[in-house]
């Protein structure tokens, strides 16, 4: 395994800048080491945002930028790669984690098995880093990027980085409510009166732990929870159903495709019984609690500006309960719930149901309740 200090030292000696990242658990030790040591690291909400930032930085400075991203993030950079980088000849060094190289959680397996094909389609030269000569490989690919004016990639396998004794600051003293407690409070009020959609990672695991009801538990596709909720609530509104649609999203998921909230401009969505909950612990908890930009963004004001008439912020169980009591039916609501990073041991939904079973149960539940 490779020490984070050694890895970052090579990047710095090559005078690469800036370092951009959308967190992945395979980068956890390196990312947290960089944050603790105050190595400049820009964490962006979306891989496409990182690519755009990198293109602007390179075009202004002529310095080769670096983007750390999970292999699933190649889907997000595809448009920039094919209509910006390749056309304008802008090089970037991509450091890509290989989730799903061997079968694991279902959301990683398709991209994991197809990674090399994706590089070929996107015209990204790559090398899989080996512990014996990874320094030479990075230098080689960096030189290729600069010479050919094109993005290149080096691939990091699971277990590449050595474990670091780093623990990022918790926010338990800042917020009293945990994510699990917030979800339990909401589910207690709306169970059997609503259908639930929960984003990937811990929100789905916590929701399933609170009540293994037939919800749509997302096991991947980060950033699409609100769009799915908008589609479900649109259908229920068109069907004259009084059933509510409750979406549990995270701060990172909300920011990843923030533009999707503009779907509130669709009249049947705005006047539906959609309740969009953003559980904000100001961090990417699943990947090691790297800081999220949600701490510096007023999401309630953003929601109001996009058209949510009911937009509120809760930072305790009492304030959350009071907000739920005053919600008006027939008008979509946005609730930002500030939560701490208390880690509860909750089960993976994929250990109990396949993705197809999750979708089927959700669909049948709508038929039953509406």
Foldseek 3Di string as FASTA:
>chain_A
DDALVVVVVLVVVLVADDEEEAFDQLCQQNVLVCVVVVPDYHYALAVCVVVVVQQVVCVVPVHAYEYEYELVSLVVNLVCLVPPQVVVLAEYEYEYEQPQCDDDQPQRPVCNVCVVVSCVVSVAAEEEADPVCNSVRVVVLVVVCSVRSHYHYYYYYRPNYDHDPGADDWCCVVFVAALLNLLLLVCVVCPLQAAEEEEADPRLLSNCQSPVALHQYHNDPQQCQVVVLLVVQLVCLVVVHQRAYEYEHEPSSCNNPVVSLLSCVPLSSQQTRYEYEYEYQQAPVVNRGDGDCVVVDDVQVVSVVSPQPAGEEARYSVRSVVSVVPDDHRGYHYYYYHHINDDDDGDDVCVPDDSVSSVVSSVVSVVVRD
